N, C-alpha and C. Protein backbone atom coordinates (compact mmCIF):
# COMPACT_ATOMS: atom_id res chain seq x y z
N MET A 1 0.85 -1.17 0.00
CA MET A 1 0.00 0.00 0.00
C MET A 1 0.89 1.24 0.00
N LYS A 2 0.63 2.14 -0.90
CA LYS A 2 1.41 3.36 -1.01
C LYS A 2 1.05 4.31 0.13
N MET A 3 2.06 4.97 0.68
CA MET A 3 1.87 5.96 1.73
C MET A 3 2.13 7.33 1.12
N ARG A 4 1.11 8.17 1.15
CA ARG A 4 1.26 9.50 0.56
C ARG A 4 1.06 10.55 1.65
N PHE A 5 1.89 11.55 1.63
CA PHE A 5 1.83 12.63 2.61
C PHE A 5 1.62 13.93 1.86
N ILE A 6 0.53 14.61 2.18
CA ILE A 6 0.18 15.87 1.52
C ILE A 6 0.17 16.95 2.60
N TRP A 7 1.03 17.95 2.43
CA TRP A 7 1.01 19.02 3.41
C TRP A 7 1.27 20.36 2.76
N ILE A 8 0.89 21.39 3.52
CA ILE A 8 1.03 22.76 3.02
C ILE A 8 2.39 23.31 3.46
N GLY A 9 3.13 23.84 2.52
CA GLY A 9 4.41 24.47 2.81
C GLY A 9 5.57 23.50 2.85
N LYS A 10 6.74 24.06 2.78
CA LYS A 10 7.97 23.27 2.80
C LYS A 10 8.47 23.13 4.24
N THR A 11 9.25 22.08 4.46
CA THR A 11 9.92 21.92 5.74
C THR A 11 11.21 22.72 5.66
N ARG A 12 11.29 23.79 6.42
CA ARG A 12 12.40 24.72 6.28
C ARG A 12 13.53 24.51 7.30
N GLN A 13 13.21 24.09 8.50
CA GLN A 13 14.24 23.92 9.52
C GLN A 13 15.13 22.74 9.16
N PRO A 14 16.43 22.97 8.98
CA PRO A 14 17.33 21.91 8.50
C PRO A 14 17.33 20.65 9.38
N GLU A 15 17.27 20.84 10.69
CA GLU A 15 17.30 19.68 11.60
C GLU A 15 16.06 18.82 11.42
N ILE A 16 14.91 19.48 11.32
CA ILE A 16 13.65 18.75 11.14
C ILE A 16 13.60 18.13 9.75
N LYS A 17 14.06 18.87 8.75
CA LYS A 17 14.07 18.36 7.37
C LYS A 17 14.90 17.08 7.28
N LYS A 18 16.04 17.06 7.96
CA LYS A 18 16.90 15.88 7.96
C LYS A 18 16.17 14.68 8.56
N LEU A 19 15.48 14.89 9.67
CA LEU A 19 14.74 13.80 10.31
C LEU A 19 13.53 13.37 9.48
N VAL A 20 12.84 14.34 8.87
CA VAL A 20 11.72 14.01 7.98
C VAL A 20 12.22 13.10 6.86
N ASN A 21 13.32 13.46 6.24
CA ASN A 21 13.87 12.64 5.16
C ASN A 21 14.30 11.26 5.65
N GLU A 22 14.86 11.20 6.85
CA GLU A 22 15.26 9.91 7.41
C GLU A 22 14.05 9.00 7.60
N TYR A 23 12.96 9.54 8.16
CA TYR A 23 11.78 8.70 8.37
C TYR A 23 11.09 8.35 7.05
N LEU A 24 11.11 9.24 6.08
CA LEU A 24 10.57 8.89 4.77
C LEU A 24 11.34 7.71 4.17
N GLU A 25 12.66 7.75 4.31
CA GLU A 25 13.50 6.65 3.81
C GLU A 25 13.18 5.34 4.56
N ARG A 26 13.02 5.44 5.86
CA ARG A 26 12.69 4.24 6.64
C ARG A 26 11.34 3.66 6.23
N ILE A 27 10.35 4.51 6.08
CA ILE A 27 9.02 4.05 5.66
C ILE A 27 9.10 3.42 4.28
N GLY A 28 9.95 3.99 3.42
CA GLY A 28 10.11 3.49 2.06
C GLY A 28 10.61 2.07 1.98
N LYS A 29 11.15 1.53 3.06
CA LYS A 29 11.57 0.13 3.08
C LYS A 29 10.37 -0.81 3.21
N PHE A 30 9.22 -0.28 3.63
CA PHE A 30 8.02 -1.08 3.81
C PHE A 30 6.96 -0.83 2.75
N ALA A 31 6.96 0.37 2.17
CA ALA A 31 5.91 0.75 1.23
C ALA A 31 6.40 1.89 0.35
N PRO A 32 5.85 2.01 -0.85
CA PRO A 32 6.17 3.18 -1.66
C PRO A 32 5.70 4.45 -0.94
N VAL A 33 6.49 5.52 -1.06
CA VAL A 33 6.21 6.77 -0.36
C VAL A 33 6.21 7.92 -1.36
N GLU A 34 5.28 8.84 -1.15
CA GLU A 34 5.23 10.05 -1.97
C GLU A 34 4.89 11.23 -1.06
N VAL A 35 5.54 12.35 -1.29
CA VAL A 35 5.25 13.58 -0.55
C VAL A 35 4.82 14.64 -1.54
N SER A 36 3.71 15.30 -1.23
CA SER A 36 3.25 16.45 -2.02
C SER A 36 3.25 17.66 -1.10
N GLU A 37 4.22 18.56 -1.34
CA GLU A 37 4.28 19.81 -0.59
C GLU A 37 3.56 20.87 -1.40
N LEU A 38 2.44 21.34 -0.88
CA LEU A 38 1.65 22.35 -1.58
C LEU A 38 2.03 23.73 -1.08
N ARG A 39 1.89 24.69 -1.92
CA ARG A 39 2.31 26.05 -1.56
C ARG A 39 1.37 26.68 -0.54
N ASP A 40 1.95 27.52 0.30
CA ASP A 40 1.14 28.33 1.21
C ASP A 40 0.30 29.28 0.36
N ARG A 41 -0.94 29.46 0.74
CA ARG A 41 -1.82 30.32 -0.05
C ARG A 41 -1.81 31.75 0.49
N THR A 42 -0.65 32.38 0.42
CA THR A 42 -0.53 33.77 0.85
C THR A 42 -1.29 34.70 -0.10
N ASP A 43 -1.61 34.20 -1.30
CA ASP A 43 -2.35 35.01 -2.26
C ASP A 43 -3.80 35.21 -1.84
N ALA A 44 -4.25 34.48 -0.82
CA ALA A 44 -5.63 34.60 -0.35
C ALA A 44 -5.78 35.74 0.65
N GLY A 45 -4.70 36.43 0.95
CA GLY A 45 -4.77 37.54 1.89
C GLY A 45 -4.63 37.08 3.33
N THR A 46 -5.17 37.87 4.23
CA THR A 46 -5.03 37.58 5.65
C THR A 46 -6.27 36.96 6.26
N ASP A 47 -7.32 36.81 5.49
CA ASP A 47 -8.56 36.19 5.99
C ASP A 47 -8.34 34.68 6.12
N ALA A 48 -8.27 34.21 7.36
CA ALA A 48 -7.97 32.79 7.62
C ALA A 48 -8.97 31.86 6.92
N ARG A 49 -10.24 32.22 6.88
CA ARG A 49 -11.26 31.38 6.24
C ARG A 49 -10.96 31.21 4.76
N ARG A 50 -10.59 32.29 4.08
CA ARG A 50 -10.25 32.21 2.64
C ARG A 50 -9.02 31.36 2.42
N VAL A 51 -8.01 31.52 3.28
CA VAL A 51 -6.79 30.72 3.17
C VAL A 51 -7.12 29.24 3.33
N ILE A 52 -7.89 28.91 4.36
CA ILE A 52 -8.27 27.52 4.61
C ILE A 52 -9.01 26.93 3.41
N GLU A 53 -9.95 27.67 2.86
CA GLU A 53 -10.73 27.18 1.72
C GLU A 53 -9.86 26.98 0.48
N LYS A 54 -8.96 27.92 0.20
CA LYS A 54 -8.08 27.77 -0.96
C LYS A 54 -7.14 26.58 -0.78
N GLU A 55 -6.53 26.46 0.40
CA GLU A 55 -5.64 25.33 0.65
C GLU A 55 -6.43 24.02 0.61
N GLY A 56 -7.64 24.04 1.14
CA GLY A 56 -8.49 22.84 1.08
C GLY A 56 -8.77 22.43 -0.35
N GLY A 57 -9.04 23.39 -1.21
CA GLY A 57 -9.25 23.07 -2.62
C GLY A 57 -8.01 22.46 -3.25
N ASP A 58 -6.84 23.00 -2.90
CA ASP A 58 -5.58 22.45 -3.42
C ASP A 58 -5.39 21.01 -2.96
N ILE A 59 -5.71 20.74 -1.71
CA ILE A 59 -5.58 19.38 -1.16
C ILE A 59 -6.54 18.44 -1.87
N LEU A 60 -7.80 18.83 -1.99
CA LEU A 60 -8.81 17.95 -2.58
C LEU A 60 -8.51 17.64 -4.04
N GLU A 61 -7.84 18.55 -4.75
CA GLU A 61 -7.45 18.28 -6.14
C GLU A 61 -6.47 17.11 -6.24
N ARG A 62 -5.78 16.83 -5.16
CA ARG A 62 -4.76 15.78 -5.16
C ARG A 62 -5.21 14.49 -4.51
N VAL A 63 -6.47 14.43 -4.14
CA VAL A 63 -7.00 13.24 -3.48
C VAL A 63 -8.03 12.60 -4.40
N SER A 64 -7.69 11.42 -4.94
CA SER A 64 -8.62 10.74 -5.84
C SER A 64 -9.59 9.90 -5.02
N GLY A 65 -10.60 9.38 -5.69
CA GLY A 65 -11.68 8.67 -5.02
C GLY A 65 -11.29 7.40 -4.31
N ASP A 66 -10.24 6.70 -4.74
CA ASP A 66 -9.95 5.39 -4.15
C ASP A 66 -8.91 5.44 -3.03
N GLN A 67 -8.47 6.62 -2.65
CA GLN A 67 -7.51 6.74 -1.56
C GLN A 67 -8.24 6.74 -0.22
N PHE A 68 -7.60 6.15 0.79
CA PHE A 68 -8.10 6.33 2.15
C PHE A 68 -7.37 7.54 2.69
N VAL A 69 -8.12 8.54 3.11
CA VAL A 69 -7.54 9.80 3.55
C VAL A 69 -7.60 9.91 5.06
N VAL A 70 -6.45 10.23 5.64
CA VAL A 70 -6.35 10.52 7.07
C VAL A 70 -6.01 11.99 7.19
N ALA A 71 -6.94 12.76 7.74
CA ALA A 71 -6.71 14.20 7.93
C ALA A 71 -6.23 14.43 9.35
N LEU A 72 -5.12 15.14 9.48
CA LEU A 72 -4.58 15.46 10.79
C LEU A 72 -5.21 16.75 11.28
N ASP A 73 -5.84 16.67 12.45
CA ASP A 73 -6.54 17.82 13.00
C ASP A 73 -6.60 17.64 14.51
N GLU A 74 -6.33 18.70 15.25
CA GLU A 74 -6.30 18.60 16.71
C GLU A 74 -7.64 18.19 17.31
N ARG A 75 -8.73 18.33 16.56
CA ARG A 75 -10.05 17.93 17.05
C ARG A 75 -10.39 16.48 16.69
N GLY A 76 -9.45 15.80 16.05
CA GLY A 76 -9.69 14.44 15.60
C GLY A 76 -9.60 13.40 16.70
N GLU A 77 -9.76 12.17 16.28
CA GLU A 77 -9.68 11.02 17.18
C GLU A 77 -8.23 10.78 17.57
N GLN A 78 -8.03 10.41 18.82
CA GLN A 78 -6.69 10.04 19.27
C GLN A 78 -6.64 8.53 19.43
N ILE A 79 -5.62 7.91 18.86
CA ILE A 79 -5.42 6.47 19.04
C ILE A 79 -3.97 6.23 19.43
N ASP A 80 -3.74 5.09 20.06
CA ASP A 80 -2.36 4.78 20.45
C ASP A 80 -1.62 4.15 19.27
N SER A 81 -0.33 3.92 19.45
CA SER A 81 0.51 3.41 18.37
C SER A 81 0.09 2.02 17.92
N ILE A 82 -0.33 1.18 18.86
CA ILE A 82 -0.79 -0.18 18.50
C ILE A 82 -2.06 -0.09 17.66
N GLY A 83 -2.98 0.76 18.06
CA GLY A 83 -4.22 0.95 17.29
C GLY A 83 -3.94 1.51 15.91
N PHE A 84 -2.98 2.40 15.82
CA PHE A 84 -2.61 2.97 14.53
C PHE A 84 -2.00 1.89 13.64
N ALA A 85 -1.15 1.04 14.20
CA ALA A 85 -0.56 -0.07 13.43
C ALA A 85 -1.66 -1.00 12.94
N LYS A 86 -2.64 -1.28 13.78
CA LYS A 86 -3.76 -2.15 13.39
C LYS A 86 -4.55 -1.52 12.25
N LEU A 87 -4.74 -0.21 12.30
CA LEU A 87 -5.44 0.50 11.23
C LEU A 87 -4.70 0.35 9.90
N LEU A 88 -3.38 0.59 9.91
CA LEU A 88 -2.60 0.46 8.69
C LEU A 88 -2.64 -0.96 8.16
N GLU A 89 -2.48 -1.93 9.04
CA GLU A 89 -2.47 -3.33 8.62
C GLU A 89 -3.84 -3.75 8.07
N LYS A 90 -4.92 -3.29 8.69
CA LYS A 90 -6.26 -3.61 8.20
C LYS A 90 -6.44 -3.09 6.77
N HIS A 91 -6.02 -1.87 6.54
CA HIS A 91 -6.17 -1.30 5.19
C HIS A 91 -5.29 -2.04 4.19
N ARG A 92 -4.11 -2.41 4.60
CA ARG A 92 -3.24 -3.18 3.70
C ARG A 92 -3.87 -4.52 3.35
N MET A 93 -4.39 -5.21 4.36
CA MET A 93 -5.01 -6.52 4.15
C MET A 93 -6.31 -6.42 3.35
N ASP A 94 -7.03 -5.30 3.51
CA ASP A 94 -8.28 -5.10 2.78
C ASP A 94 -8.05 -4.64 1.34
N GLY A 95 -6.80 -4.40 0.97
CA GLY A 95 -6.49 -4.04 -0.41
C GLY A 95 -6.51 -2.55 -0.70
N THR A 96 -6.47 -1.72 0.32
CA THR A 96 -6.37 -0.28 0.08
C THR A 96 -5.08 -0.02 -0.68
N ARG A 97 -5.20 0.65 -1.80
CA ARG A 97 -4.02 0.86 -2.64
C ARG A 97 -3.17 2.03 -2.17
N GLN A 98 -3.83 3.04 -1.61
CA GLN A 98 -3.07 4.21 -1.18
C GLN A 98 -3.72 4.81 0.06
N MET A 99 -2.89 5.15 1.03
CA MET A 99 -3.34 5.88 2.21
C MET A 99 -2.67 7.24 2.16
N SER A 100 -3.49 8.28 2.20
CA SER A 100 -2.97 9.65 2.11
C SER A 100 -3.18 10.35 3.45
N PHE A 101 -2.11 10.91 3.97
CA PHE A 101 -2.14 11.67 5.21
C PHE A 101 -2.07 13.15 4.85
N VAL A 102 -3.01 13.93 5.36
CA VAL A 102 -3.13 15.33 4.98
C VAL A 102 -2.93 16.22 6.20
N LEU A 103 -2.02 17.17 6.06
CA LEU A 103 -1.81 18.20 7.08
C LEU A 103 -2.08 19.55 6.44
N GLY A 104 -2.97 20.31 7.03
CA GLY A 104 -3.31 21.61 6.48
C GLY A 104 -2.26 22.65 6.79
N GLY A 105 -2.57 23.87 6.45
CA GLY A 105 -1.67 24.99 6.70
C GLY A 105 -1.81 25.51 8.12
N HIS A 106 -1.20 26.65 8.37
CA HIS A 106 -1.19 27.23 9.72
C HIS A 106 -2.58 27.59 10.22
N ALA A 107 -3.49 27.87 9.33
CA ALA A 107 -4.85 28.25 9.74
C ALA A 107 -5.74 27.03 9.98
N GLY A 108 -5.30 25.85 9.55
CA GLY A 108 -6.09 24.63 9.78
C GLY A 108 -6.57 24.00 8.49
N LEU A 109 -7.49 23.05 8.65
CA LEU A 109 -8.06 22.31 7.52
C LEU A 109 -9.48 22.77 7.22
N SER A 110 -9.85 22.73 5.97
CA SER A 110 -11.22 23.08 5.60
C SER A 110 -12.18 21.97 6.00
N ASP A 111 -13.43 22.35 6.19
CA ASP A 111 -14.47 21.35 6.50
C ASP A 111 -14.57 20.32 5.37
N ALA A 112 -14.38 20.75 4.13
CA ALA A 112 -14.48 19.84 2.99
C ALA A 112 -13.41 18.74 3.07
N VAL A 113 -12.20 19.09 3.49
CA VAL A 113 -11.14 18.09 3.62
C VAL A 113 -11.48 17.13 4.75
N ARG A 114 -11.94 17.67 5.89
CA ARG A 114 -12.31 16.79 7.01
C ARG A 114 -13.44 15.84 6.61
N LYS A 115 -14.40 16.34 5.84
CA LYS A 115 -15.51 15.49 5.39
C LYS A 115 -15.04 14.40 4.43
N ARG A 116 -14.05 14.70 3.59
CA ARG A 116 -13.52 13.73 2.63
C ARG A 116 -12.72 12.63 3.32
N ALA A 117 -12.18 12.94 4.48
CA ALA A 117 -11.31 11.99 5.18
C ALA A 117 -12.09 10.78 5.70
N GLY A 118 -11.44 9.62 5.60
CA GLY A 118 -11.98 8.42 6.22
C GLY A 118 -11.72 8.40 7.71
N LEU A 119 -10.71 9.17 8.14
CA LEU A 119 -10.36 9.29 9.54
C LEU A 119 -9.78 10.68 9.77
N VAL A 120 -10.29 11.35 10.81
CA VAL A 120 -9.68 12.60 11.25
C VAL A 120 -8.93 12.25 12.53
N LEU A 121 -7.63 12.45 12.49
CA LEU A 121 -6.73 11.97 13.54
C LEU A 121 -6.02 13.13 14.20
N ALA A 122 -5.95 13.09 15.54
CA ALA A 122 -5.19 14.08 16.30
C ALA A 122 -3.91 13.42 16.80
N LEU A 123 -2.77 14.01 16.50
CA LEU A 123 -1.52 13.52 17.05
C LEU A 123 -1.45 13.84 18.54
N SER A 124 -2.05 14.97 18.91
CA SER A 124 -2.03 15.44 20.29
C SER A 124 -3.08 16.53 20.42
N ARG A 125 -3.54 16.75 21.62
CA ARG A 125 -4.42 17.90 21.87
C ARG A 125 -3.59 19.17 22.01
N MET A 126 -2.29 19.00 22.21
CA MET A 126 -1.40 20.15 22.30
C MET A 126 -1.14 20.69 20.90
N THR A 127 -0.84 21.96 20.82
CA THR A 127 -0.51 22.57 19.53
C THR A 127 0.94 22.25 19.17
N LEU A 128 1.13 21.77 17.95
CA LEU A 128 2.45 21.47 17.42
C LEU A 128 2.72 22.38 16.24
N THR A 129 3.98 22.72 16.02
CA THR A 129 4.30 23.42 14.78
C THR A 129 4.01 22.44 13.64
N HIS A 130 3.76 22.97 12.46
CA HIS A 130 3.46 22.09 11.34
C HIS A 130 4.65 21.20 10.99
N GLU A 131 5.84 21.74 11.12
CA GLU A 131 7.03 20.94 10.82
C GLU A 131 7.18 19.81 11.84
N MET A 132 6.93 20.09 13.11
CA MET A 132 7.01 19.03 14.12
C MET A 132 5.89 18.00 13.91
N ALA A 133 4.71 18.46 13.54
CA ALA A 133 3.60 17.53 13.28
C ALA A 133 3.97 16.57 12.15
N ARG A 134 4.63 17.06 11.11
CA ARG A 134 5.08 16.20 10.02
C ARG A 134 6.03 15.12 10.55
N LEU A 135 6.99 15.55 11.34
CA LEU A 135 7.96 14.62 11.89
C LEU A 135 7.28 13.59 12.80
N PHE A 136 6.40 14.04 13.68
CA PHE A 136 5.71 13.10 14.58
C PHE A 136 4.86 12.11 13.79
N LEU A 137 4.17 12.60 12.76
CA LEU A 137 3.36 11.71 11.93
C LEU A 137 4.24 10.65 11.27
N LEU A 138 5.34 11.08 10.66
CA LEU A 138 6.22 10.13 9.98
C LEU A 138 6.80 9.12 10.95
N GLU A 139 7.17 9.58 12.14
CA GLU A 139 7.70 8.65 13.13
C GLU A 139 6.65 7.61 13.50
N GLN A 140 5.40 8.02 13.64
CA GLN A 140 4.34 7.08 14.01
C GLN A 140 4.01 6.12 12.85
N VAL A 141 4.10 6.58 11.62
CA VAL A 141 3.89 5.68 10.48
C VAL A 141 5.01 4.64 10.45
N TYR A 142 6.25 5.09 10.68
CA TYR A 142 7.35 4.13 10.73
C TYR A 142 7.17 3.17 11.91
N ARG A 143 6.80 3.70 13.07
CA ARG A 143 6.59 2.86 14.25
C ARG A 143 5.50 1.82 13.97
N ALA A 144 4.44 2.21 13.30
CA ALA A 144 3.37 1.28 12.96
C ALA A 144 3.90 0.13 12.11
N HIS A 145 4.73 0.45 11.14
CA HIS A 145 5.33 -0.61 10.31
C HIS A 145 6.24 -1.50 11.15
N ALA A 146 6.99 -0.91 12.07
CA ALA A 146 7.86 -1.70 12.94
C ALA A 146 7.02 -2.64 13.81
N ILE A 147 5.89 -2.16 14.30
CA ILE A 147 4.99 -3.00 15.10
C ILE A 147 4.44 -4.13 14.24
N ILE A 148 3.97 -3.81 13.06
CA ILE A 148 3.39 -4.81 12.15
C ILE A 148 4.41 -5.91 11.84
N HIS A 149 5.67 -5.53 11.66
CA HIS A 149 6.72 -6.48 11.29
C HIS A 149 7.51 -6.99 12.50
N ASP A 150 7.02 -6.67 13.69
CA ASP A 150 7.63 -7.13 14.94
C ASP A 150 9.12 -6.81 15.02
N LEU A 151 9.46 -5.58 14.66
CA LEU A 151 10.84 -5.12 14.75
C LEU A 151 11.09 -4.53 16.15
N PRO A 152 12.31 -4.53 16.61
CA PRO A 152 12.59 -4.06 17.97
C PRO A 152 12.44 -2.55 18.18
N TYR A 153 12.30 -1.77 17.12
CA TYR A 153 12.21 -0.31 17.24
C TYR A 153 11.14 0.12 18.24
N GLN A 154 9.95 -0.48 18.17
CA GLN A 154 8.81 0.01 18.94
C GLN A 154 8.88 -0.34 20.41
N LYS A 155 9.83 -1.16 20.83
CA LYS A 155 9.86 -1.63 22.21
C LYS A 155 10.60 -0.69 23.13
């Protein structure tokens, strides 16, 4: 099952970028990986609602009908690492061809993106920078694969 990560903006901090790339490489040993970095919609002005809607439209253009979409949102469901691994394995066994993880911009995700998602997931109730959220998500996807394959990483 292909793992796709769609997020707004580039990872700019060199230390975080290095770790993001490391976890992408690690995940790539278990599944094909693709990252789509979408541009910040600064052209929408300062109205957060307009920015969210424009970024949401950009995200939805990249999500086809047969993907299982996981939208990251602080209001989403929280699950532990074992439950997350079970979710990934269930989708793999059920024949899901692609799982797409979506992180919105600084203003958040549009309602349309949340509605399109098969799961709205919260990494934490605490506020994370978007770059840290990317890293935490990738670490948990790698951890899930380690759990599925009974590797010592998760212990």
